[in-house]
Protein backbone atom coordinates (compact mmCIF):
# COMPACT_ATOMS: atom_id res chain seq x y z
CA MET A 1 -12.37 105.60 76.52
CA LYS A 2 -9.31 104.83 78.65
CA ARG A 3 -7.19 104.70 75.50
CA LEU A 4 -8.42 108.17 74.44
CA THR A 5 -7.71 109.53 77.91
CA TRP A 6 -4.21 108.06 77.86
CA LEU A 7 -3.53 109.50 74.40
CA ALA A 8 -4.75 112.92 75.51
CA PHE A 9 -2.48 112.79 78.57
CA LEU A 10 0.48 111.74 76.43
CA LEU A 11 -0.13 114.58 73.98
CA LEU A 12 -0.39 117.11 76.80
CA SER A 13 2.82 115.84 78.40
CA LEU A 14 4.64 116.35 75.12
CA VAL A 15 3.19 119.74 74.26
CA ALA A 16 3.21 121.41 77.70
CA PRO A 17 7.02 121.50 78.14
CA ALA A 18 7.42 122.95 74.67
CA MET A 19 4.84 125.64 75.43
CA ALA A 20 6.51 126.46 78.73
CA GLN A 21 9.89 126.66 77.04
CA ALA A 22 8.54 128.94 74.32
CA ASP A 23 7.15 131.25 77.00
CA SER A 24 10.37 131.40 79.02
CA ALA A 25 13.22 131.08 76.51
CA PRO A 26 13.60 133.53 73.63
CA SER A 27 15.02 132.70 70.26
CA SER A 28 18.78 132.19 70.07
CA HIS A 29 18.63 135.08 67.59
CA TRP A 30 19.41 137.42 70.50
CA ALA A 31 22.47 135.53 71.71
CA PRO A 32 24.98 137.65 69.73
CA ASP A 33 23.48 140.88 71.11
CA ILE A 34 23.62 139.62 74.67
CA GLU A 35 27.15 138.27 74.27
CA ALA A 36 28.22 141.65 72.87
CA PHE A 37 26.82 143.37 75.96
CA VAL A 38 28.60 140.91 78.25
CA ALA A 39 31.88 141.37 76.37
CA ALA A 40 31.57 145.15 76.60
CA ASP A 41 30.88 144.86 80.32
CA HIS A 42 33.95 142.66 80.76
CA GLU A 43 36.17 145.12 78.94
CA ARG A 44 34.70 148.11 80.70
CA PRO A 45 33.01 147.13 83.97
CA PRO A 46 29.55 148.63 84.18
CA MET A 47 28.73 151.52 86.44
CA HIS A 48 26.37 150.95 89.31
CA ASN A 49 23.49 153.12 90.56
CA GLY A 50 22.75 154.70 87.20
CA VAL A 51 19.75 154.73 84.87
CA LEU A 52 19.35 151.63 82.73
CA PHE A 53 17.49 152.08 79.45
CA ILE A 54 16.35 148.71 78.15
CA GLY A 55 14.02 147.32 75.50
CA SER A 56 13.69 147.14 71.75
CA SER A 57 15.07 149.14 68.82
CA SER A 58 13.68 152.49 69.99
CA ILE A 59 16.16 152.15 72.86
CA GLN A 60 18.91 150.54 70.79
CA TYR A 61 18.88 153.37 68.23
CA TRP A 62 18.95 156.05 70.91
CA LYS A 63 22.62 156.75 70.29
CA SER A 64 22.54 160.24 71.79
CA LEU A 65 21.29 159.02 75.17
CA ALA A 66 24.27 160.30 77.18
CA GLU A 67 24.15 163.68 75.44
CA ASP A 68 20.39 163.94 75.89
CA PHE A 69 20.67 163.45 79.65
CA PRO A 70 23.94 165.23 80.48
CA GLY A 71 25.28 164.48 83.92
CA VAL A 72 23.08 161.40 84.28
CA PRO A 73 24.91 158.02 84.32
CA VAL A 74 23.00 156.14 81.62
CA ILE A 75 23.40 152.62 80.26
CA ASN A 76 21.81 151.57 76.96
CA ARG A 77 20.85 147.92 76.70
CA GLY A 78 18.34 147.99 73.88
CA PHE A 79 18.36 145.21 71.31
CA GLY A 80 16.35 145.69 68.15
CA GLY A 81 13.39 143.48 67.39
CA SER A 82 13.14 142.22 70.95
CA ALA A 83 9.92 141.77 72.90
CA LEU A 84 9.24 142.13 76.61
CA PRO A 85 9.91 138.45 77.43
CA ASP A 86 13.39 138.75 75.90
CA SER A 87 14.46 141.45 78.37
CA THR A 88 12.92 139.41 81.17
CA TYR A 89 14.77 136.25 80.19
CA TYR A 90 18.14 138.01 80.01
CA ALA A 91 17.65 140.20 83.09
CA ASP A 92 20.36 138.34 85.00
CA ARG A 93 22.85 139.43 82.32
CA ILE A 94 21.64 142.87 81.21
CA VAL A 95 19.86 144.24 84.29
CA TRP A 96 21.20 142.77 87.52
CA PRO A 97 24.94 143.39 86.94
CA TYR A 98 24.42 147.16 86.74
CA LYS A 99 22.52 147.51 90.03
CA PRO A 100 20.63 150.46 88.53
CA ASN A 101 18.84 153.00 90.68
CA LEU A 102 16.24 153.40 87.92
CA ILE A 103 15.13 151.39 84.88
CA VAL A 104 13.49 152.94 81.82
CA MET A 105 11.76 150.31 79.69
CA TYR A 106 10.42 150.56 76.14
CA ALA A 107 8.99 147.36 74.71
CA GLY A 108 5.63 145.93 73.73
CA ASP A 109 5.57 147.33 70.22
CA ASN A 110 7.08 144.18 68.71
CA ASP A 111 5.03 141.94 70.99
CA ILE A 112 1.80 143.26 69.47
CA ASN A 113 3.23 143.15 65.97
CA ASP A 114 3.92 139.46 66.63
CA GLY A 115 0.31 138.86 67.70
CA ALA A 116 0.28 139.47 71.46
CA THR A 117 -2.92 140.77 73.04
CA ALA A 118 -3.11 143.75 75.38
CA ASP A 119 -3.52 141.40 78.36
CA GLN A 120 -0.45 139.43 77.29
CA VAL A 121 1.64 142.60 77.04
CA LEU A 122 0.56 143.61 80.54
CA ALA A 123 1.43 140.16 81.89
CA SER A 124 4.82 140.30 80.17
CA PHE A 125 5.60 143.67 81.72
CA GLN A 126 4.55 142.41 85.14
CA LYS A 127 6.95 139.49 84.73
CA PHE A 128 9.75 141.88 83.77
CA VAL A 129 9.17 143.98 86.88
CA ALA A 130 9.24 140.90 89.09
CA ARG A 131 12.34 139.48 87.41
CA ALA A 132 14.27 142.76 87.49
CA ARG A 133 13.55 143.13 91.19
CA GLU A 134 14.78 139.64 91.95
CA GLY A 135 18.28 140.92 91.28
CA VAL A 136 17.77 144.59 92.15
CA PRO A 137 15.20 144.65 94.97
CA GLY A 138 12.78 147.56 94.85
CA VAL A 139 14.33 149.23 91.81
CA PRO A 140 11.97 151.87 90.38
CA ILE A 141 10.83 151.09 86.84
CA VAL A 142 9.50 153.56 84.28
CA TYR A 143 7.49 152.19 81.37
CA VAL A 144 7.47 154.36 78.25
CA SER A 145 4.15 153.82 76.52
CA ILE A 146 3.99 151.98 73.22
CA LYS A 147 4.36 154.62 70.56
CA PRO A 148 2.03 155.20 67.61
CA SER A 149 3.89 154.89 64.31
CA VAL A 150 3.10 155.32 60.64
CA ALA A 151 4.12 151.75 59.87
CA ARG A 152 2.00 150.13 62.59
CA ILE A 153 -1.00 152.42 62.89
CA ALA A 154 -3.33 149.50 62.10
CA LEU A 155 -2.22 147.97 65.41
CA TRP A 156 -2.87 151.11 67.43
CA PRO A 157 -6.17 149.95 69.01
CA THR A 158 -4.36 146.99 70.61
CA MET A 159 -1.36 149.14 71.50
CA LYS A 160 -3.59 151.72 73.19
CA ALA A 161 -5.40 148.98 75.09
CA ALA A 162 -2.05 147.64 76.32
CA ASN A 163 -0.95 151.14 77.33
CA ASP A 164 -4.17 151.67 79.26
CA LYS A 165 -3.80 148.37 81.10
CA ILE A 166 -0.19 149.07 82.03
CA ARG A 167 -1.06 152.61 83.14
CA ASP A 168 -3.83 151.31 85.41
CA TRP A 169 -1.63 148.58 86.87
CA ALA A 170 1.34 150.90 87.40
CA ALA A 171 -0.89 153.25 89.39
CA THR A 172 -1.39 150.48 91.95
CA GLN A 173 2.31 149.67 92.31
CA LYS A 174 5.11 151.21 94.32
CA ASP A 175 7.75 152.84 92.12
CA VAL A 176 6.33 151.71 88.79
CA ARG A 177 5.71 154.75 86.58
CA PHE A 178 3.92 155.03 83.25
CA VAL A 179 5.04 157.78 80.86
CA ASP A 180 2.61 158.40 78.02
CA ILE A 181 4.45 159.69 74.97
CA ALA A 182 1.62 158.88 72.54
CA PRO A 183 -0.35 162.17 72.61
CA ALA A 184 2.68 164.20 71.52
CA MET A 185 3.31 161.86 68.59
CA PHE A 186 -0.11 162.39 66.98
CA ASN A 187 -0.94 165.34 64.73
CA ALA A 188 -4.12 167.41 64.77
CA GLN A 189 -5.78 164.87 62.49
CA GLY A 190 -5.17 162.09 64.99
CA LYS A 191 -2.49 160.39 62.89
CA PRO A 192 1.15 159.66 63.75
CA ARG A 193 3.34 162.62 62.81
CA PRO A 194 5.40 161.42 59.82
CA GLU A 195 8.14 163.99 60.41
CA LEU A 196 9.11 162.13 63.59
CA PHE A 197 10.06 158.95 61.76
CA ARG A 198 12.69 157.53 59.47
CA PRO A 199 11.60 156.45 55.98
CA ASP A 200 10.52 153.07 57.38
CA GLY A 201 7.76 154.83 59.31
CA LEU A 202 8.69 152.91 62.46
CA HIS A 203 11.99 154.08 63.89
CA MET A 204 12.37 157.63 65.10
CA LEU A 205 14.40 160.63 64.04
CA PRO A 206 16.02 162.98 66.60
CA ASN A 207 12.90 165.17 66.75
CA GLY A 208 10.93 162.09 67.79
CA TYR A 209 13.38 161.37 70.59
CA ALA A 210 13.15 165.04 71.62
CA LEU A 211 9.56 164.38 72.67
CA TRP A 212 10.66 161.42 74.77
CA ILE A 213 13.42 163.46 76.40
CA ALA A 214 10.95 166.18 77.39
CA ALA A 215 8.62 163.59 78.91
CA LEU A 216 11.34 161.68 80.76
CA LYS A 217 13.48 164.48 82.22
CA PRO A 218 11.02 165.39 85.00
CA VAL A 219 10.52 161.72 85.84
CA LEU A 220 14.26 161.14 86.14
CA ALA A 221 14.47 164.27 88.29
CA ASP A 222 11.83 162.81 90.62
CA TYR A 223 14.28 159.97 91.29
CA GLY A 224 17.24 162.28 91.84
CA PHE A 225 18.70 162.23 88.33
CA VAL A 226 18.85 165.88 87.32
CA THR A 227 20.40 166.73 83.97
CA ARG A 228 23.28 169.19 83.93
CA ARG A 229 22.90 172.44 82.01
CA ILE A 230 25.12 172.69 78.94
CA GLN A 231 26.85 176.07 78.77
């Protein structure tokens, strides 16, 4: 019996550090993306007090961000394929240096595609909020809801559950906002609107981003970031 107990303890001591490391350290796959951000920041020092957009490919591919929010100092730090824990892990390099006055986060989509539950996505977002505020105390954070897409519609029940949990939690927090873009991305039949997406059925076209812009502009204005009219 003692031998079995000792073996169980030994196994746990070997497995636990690996599990903890897996939870805290992302794959080195993201290292080139992060190094590219750091190099760009070194060459052109980042602005402070702007709006930081961070998250996965829906942020990374938002190339028209500055044009879509004219007059608003925006920073794009999206890296495609990333999950919430990745942005949390690298916050000291791609959040803190910018001292943003507002953070807009889109992530969670890939987390669920990789097998995360709704509760795990909520916990990951909570960790991101805490980590971001370690370096930028009290910074307001806007969470853009996980979008429905043609390619991942089978995962929508879990995505919706995660959205609901984050919405409910955000409502209890100071300066954590939830922006629900999902309703506008469904058609009358309750399916994702295919015209909003690229051929892969996952990444958005400009008319998809137009829906996000319309949803986010009033939120940014609430925090003092009013877009300039283009003559």
